[in-house]
Amino acid sequence: MASRTANQFVTVLLGMAVVAPWLLLVISITSGKLLWLTVLDLIGTHVGLLVMLRGYRDGNRALKRRGAGTHAMTLSLCLVVLAILQ
């Protein structure tokens, strides 16, 4: 039961990880500001997700960490820069 709950939690987190950059892109398009930054964020976060998924497929723990770190760092840097520039 605990393993199933943990897997559901991971699935929810991965879903939010995919939706967050797209939501930022939609907000950026509707406001007309800093579109270039959110596009770079979208590319960076999806590269991180692809590296993380490759790590899951290969069973490579280092790739999982690097992918998750890349995704989190790209998203947080984008949010900080957005806060500074607005």
N, C-alpha and C. Protein backbone atom coordinates (compact mmCIF):
# COMPACT_ATOMS: atom_id res chain seq x y z
N MET A 1 0.81 -1.19 0.00
CA MET A 1 0.00 0.00 0.00
C MET A 1 0.86 1.27 0.00
N ALA A 2 1.93 1.27 0.77
CA ALA A 2 2.79 2.45 0.84
C ALA A 2 3.48 2.70 -0.49
N SER A 3 3.88 1.64 -1.19
CA SER A 3 4.52 1.79 -2.48
C SER A 3 3.55 2.39 -3.50
N ARG A 4 2.31 1.96 -3.44
CA ARG A 4 1.30 2.48 -4.36
C ARG A 4 1.05 3.96 -4.10
N THR A 5 0.99 4.35 -2.85
CA THR A 5 0.78 5.75 -2.49
C THR A 5 1.97 6.60 -2.93
N ALA A 6 3.17 6.08 -2.76
CA ALA A 6 4.36 6.81 -3.19
C ALA A 6 4.38 6.98 -4.71
N ASN A 7 3.99 5.94 -5.44
CA ASN A 7 3.95 6.04 -6.89
C ASN A 7 2.91 7.05 -7.36
N GLN A 8 1.78 7.11 -6.67
CA GLN A 8 0.77 8.11 -7.02
C GLN A 8 1.28 9.52 -6.74
N PHE A 9 2.01 9.69 -5.65
CA PHE A 9 2.58 10.99 -5.31
C PHE A 9 3.59 11.42 -6.37
N VAL A 10 4.44 10.50 -6.80
CA VAL A 10 5.43 10.80 -7.85
C VAL A 10 4.72 11.16 -9.15
N THR A 11 3.65 10.46 -9.47
CA THR A 11 2.91 10.75 -10.69
C THR A 11 2.29 12.15 -10.64
N VAL A 12 1.76 12.54 -9.51
CA VAL A 12 1.20 13.88 -9.36
C VAL A 12 2.29 14.93 -9.50
N LEU A 13 3.44 14.71 -8.88
CA LEU A 13 4.55 15.66 -8.99
C LEU A 13 5.06 15.78 -10.42
N LEU A 14 5.17 14.67 -11.12
CA LEU A 14 5.61 14.72 -12.52
C LEU A 14 4.57 15.44 -13.39
N GLY A 15 3.32 15.23 -13.10
CA GLY A 15 2.27 15.94 -13.83
C GLY A 15 2.37 17.44 -13.63
N MET A 16 2.59 17.86 -12.39
CA MET A 16 2.75 19.28 -12.11
C MET A 16 4.02 19.82 -12.75
N ALA A 17 5.06 18.99 -12.83
CA ALA A 17 6.32 19.42 -13.44
C ALA A 17 6.14 19.67 -14.93
N VAL A 18 5.27 18.93 -15.57
CA VAL A 18 5.03 19.14 -17.00
C VAL A 18 4.12 20.34 -17.21
N VAL A 19 3.14 20.53 -16.35
CA VAL A 19 2.15 21.60 -16.54
C VAL A 19 2.71 22.99 -16.19
N ALA A 20 3.57 23.09 -15.21
CA ALA A 20 4.05 24.40 -14.73
C ALA A 20 4.72 25.24 -15.82
N PRO A 21 5.67 24.70 -16.62
CA PRO A 21 6.27 25.53 -17.67
C PRO A 21 5.28 25.95 -18.74
N TRP A 22 4.33 25.07 -19.07
CA TRP A 22 3.32 25.43 -20.07
C TRP A 22 2.41 26.52 -19.54
N LEU A 23 2.09 26.47 -18.27
CA LEU A 23 1.26 27.51 -17.66
C LEU A 23 1.99 28.86 -17.68
N LEU A 24 3.28 28.85 -17.39
CA LEU A 24 4.07 30.08 -17.48
C LEU A 24 4.08 30.63 -18.90
N LEU A 25 4.18 29.73 -19.88
CA LEU A 25 4.18 30.16 -21.27
C LEU A 25 2.85 30.80 -21.65
N VAL A 26 1.75 30.21 -21.23
CA VAL A 26 0.43 30.77 -21.52
C VAL A 26 0.28 32.14 -20.87
N ILE A 27 0.71 32.26 -19.63
CA ILE A 27 0.63 33.55 -18.94
C ILE A 27 1.49 34.59 -19.65
N SER A 28 2.67 34.18 -20.11
CA SER A 28 3.56 35.09 -20.81
C SER A 28 2.97 35.52 -22.15
N ILE A 29 2.32 34.61 -22.84
CA ILE A 29 1.72 34.96 -24.13
C ILE A 29 0.55 35.93 -23.93
N THR A 30 -0.27 35.67 -22.93
CA THR A 30 -1.42 36.55 -22.71
C THR A 30 -1.01 37.94 -22.22
N SER A 31 0.07 38.01 -21.44
CA SER A 31 0.51 39.32 -20.97
C SER A 31 1.40 40.02 -21.98
N GLY A 32 2.00 39.25 -22.88
CA GLY A 32 2.86 39.84 -23.90
C GLY A 32 4.23 40.24 -23.38
N LYS A 33 4.62 39.73 -22.24
CA LYS A 33 5.90 40.11 -21.65
C LYS A 33 6.82 38.90 -21.50
N LEU A 34 8.07 39.11 -21.78
CA LEU A 34 9.15 38.14 -21.53
C LEU A 34 8.86 36.74 -22.11
N LEU A 35 8.39 36.72 -23.32
CA LEU A 35 8.10 35.45 -23.99
C LEU A 35 9.37 34.64 -24.19
N TRP A 36 10.47 35.30 -24.51
CA TRP A 36 11.73 34.60 -24.75
C TRP A 36 12.19 33.83 -23.51
N LEU A 37 11.96 34.40 -22.35
CA LEU A 37 12.38 33.75 -21.11
C LEU A 37 11.56 32.49 -20.83
N THR A 38 10.28 32.57 -21.04
CA THR A 38 9.44 31.41 -20.77
C THR A 38 9.65 30.31 -21.81
N VAL A 39 9.99 30.68 -23.05
CA VAL A 39 10.31 29.66 -24.05
C VAL A 39 11.61 28.95 -23.66
N LEU A 40 12.60 29.70 -23.23
CA LEU A 40 13.84 29.07 -22.75
C LEU A 40 13.58 28.18 -21.54
N ASP A 41 12.70 28.62 -20.66
CA ASP A 41 12.33 27.82 -19.51
C ASP A 41 11.64 26.52 -19.94
N LEU A 42 10.75 26.62 -20.89
CA LEU A 42 10.05 25.44 -21.39
C LEU A 42 11.03 24.43 -21.99
N ILE A 43 11.97 24.91 -22.75
CA ILE A 43 12.98 24.02 -23.34
C ILE A 43 13.84 23.39 -22.26
N GLY A 44 14.32 24.20 -21.32
CA GLY A 44 15.19 23.68 -20.26
C GLY A 44 14.51 22.68 -19.36
N THR A 45 13.26 22.95 -18.99
CA THR A 45 12.56 22.03 -18.11
C THR A 45 12.25 20.72 -18.81
N HIS A 46 11.91 20.78 -20.08
CA HIS A 46 11.60 19.55 -20.79
C HIS A 46 12.85 18.73 -21.09
N VAL A 47 13.98 19.39 -21.28
CA VAL A 47 15.24 18.64 -21.39
C VAL A 47 15.54 17.93 -20.08
N GLY A 48 15.33 18.61 -18.96
CA GLY A 48 15.52 17.98 -17.66
C GLY A 48 14.59 16.79 -17.46
N LEU A 49 13.33 16.93 -17.88
CA LEU A 49 12.39 15.82 -17.76
C LEU A 49 12.79 14.65 -18.64
N LEU A 50 13.28 14.94 -19.85
CA LEU A 50 13.71 13.85 -20.73
C LEU A 50 14.92 13.12 -20.17
N VAL A 51 15.86 13.86 -19.58
CA VAL A 51 17.01 13.21 -18.95
C VAL A 51 16.56 12.36 -17.77
N MET A 52 15.62 12.87 -16.99
CA MET A 52 15.11 12.11 -15.86
C MET A 52 14.38 10.85 -16.32
N LEU A 53 13.57 10.95 -17.35
CA LEU A 53 12.88 9.77 -17.87
C LEU A 53 13.86 8.75 -18.44
N ARG A 54 14.92 9.24 -19.06
CA ARG A 54 15.97 8.33 -19.55
C ARG A 54 16.63 7.60 -18.38
N GLY A 55 16.81 8.30 -17.28
CA GLY A 55 17.36 7.68 -16.08
C GLY A 55 16.44 6.62 -15.52
N TYR A 56 15.13 6.87 -15.55
CA TYR A 56 14.17 5.86 -15.09
C TYR A 56 14.21 4.64 -16.00
N ARG A 57 14.30 4.88 -17.30
CA ARG A 57 14.31 3.77 -18.24
C ARG A 57 15.57 2.91 -18.10
N ASP A 58 16.71 3.57 -17.92
CA ASP A 58 17.97 2.85 -17.81
C ASP A 58 18.26 2.38 -16.40
N GLY A 59 17.50 2.83 -15.43
CA GLY A 59 17.76 2.48 -14.04
C GLY A 59 18.99 3.20 -13.50
N ASN A 60 19.31 4.34 -14.06
CA ASN A 60 20.49 5.11 -13.68
C ASN A 60 20.07 6.22 -12.73
N ARG A 61 20.49 6.07 -11.49
CA ARG A 61 20.09 7.02 -10.45
C ARG A 61 20.70 8.41 -10.66
N ALA A 62 21.92 8.45 -11.20
CA ALA A 62 22.58 9.73 -11.44
C ALA A 62 21.83 10.55 -12.49
N LEU A 63 21.36 9.90 -13.53
CA LEU A 63 20.58 10.61 -14.55
C LEU A 63 19.27 11.13 -13.99
N LYS A 64 18.66 10.35 -13.11
CA LYS A 64 17.41 10.80 -12.49
C LYS A 64 17.65 12.08 -11.70
N ARG A 65 18.72 12.09 -10.91
CA ARG A 65 19.03 13.27 -10.10
C ARG A 65 19.38 14.48 -10.96
N ARG A 66 20.20 14.24 -12.00
CA ARG A 66 20.59 15.36 -12.87
C ARG A 66 19.39 15.94 -13.60
N GLY A 67 18.52 15.07 -14.09
CA GLY A 67 17.33 15.55 -14.79
C GLY A 67 16.40 16.33 -13.88
N ALA A 68 16.16 15.80 -12.69
CA ALA A 68 15.30 16.50 -11.73
C ALA A 68 15.94 17.81 -11.30
N GLY A 69 17.24 17.81 -11.10
CA GLY A 69 17.94 19.04 -10.72
C GLY A 69 17.90 20.09 -11.82
N THR A 70 18.08 19.64 -13.06
CA THR A 70 18.01 20.56 -14.20
C THR A 70 16.63 21.17 -14.31
N HIS A 71 15.62 20.34 -14.16
CA HIS A 71 14.26 20.84 -14.26
C HIS A 71 13.97 21.85 -13.15
N ALA A 72 14.27 21.49 -11.93
CA ALA A 72 13.98 22.37 -10.79
C ALA A 72 14.78 23.67 -10.87
N MET A 73 16.05 23.57 -11.24
CA MET A 73 16.89 24.77 -11.32
C MET A 73 16.42 25.70 -12.44
N THR A 74 16.07 25.14 -13.58
CA THR A 74 15.61 25.97 -14.69
C THR A 74 14.31 26.68 -14.34
N LEU A 75 13.39 25.96 -13.74
CA LEU A 75 12.11 26.57 -13.37
C LEU A 75 12.29 27.64 -12.30
N SER A 76 13.11 27.36 -11.30
CA SER A 76 13.31 28.36 -10.23
C SER A 76 14.06 29.59 -10.74
N LEU A 77 15.06 29.39 -11.61
CA LEU A 77 15.76 30.55 -12.18
C LEU A 77 14.83 31.40 -13.01
N CYS A 78 13.96 30.76 -13.78
CA CYS A 78 13.00 31.51 -14.59
C CYS A 78 12.08 32.33 -13.69
N LEU A 79 11.60 31.74 -12.62
CA LEU A 79 10.70 32.46 -11.71
C LEU A 79 11.42 33.63 -11.03
N VAL A 80 12.67 33.44 -10.66
CA VAL A 80 13.44 34.54 -10.03
C VAL A 80 13.67 35.67 -11.02
N VAL A 81 14.06 35.32 -12.25
CA VAL A 81 14.30 36.36 -13.26
C VAL A 81 13.00 37.08 -13.61
N LEU A 82 11.90 36.35 -13.71
CA LEU A 82 10.61 36.99 -13.95
C LEU A 82 10.25 37.96 -12.83
N ALA A 83 10.52 37.57 -11.60
CA ALA A 83 10.22 38.45 -10.47
C ALA A 83 11.10 39.69 -10.50
N ILE A 84 12.35 39.53 -10.89
CA ILE A 84 13.26 40.67 -10.92
C ILE A 84 12.90 41.64 -12.07
N LEU A 85 12.57 41.10 -13.23
CA LEU A 85 12.32 41.94 -14.39
C LEU A 85 10.95 42.59 -14.39
N GLN A 86 10.06 42.16 -13.54
CA GLN A 86 8.73 42.78 -13.53
C GLN A 86 8.56 43.69 -12.40
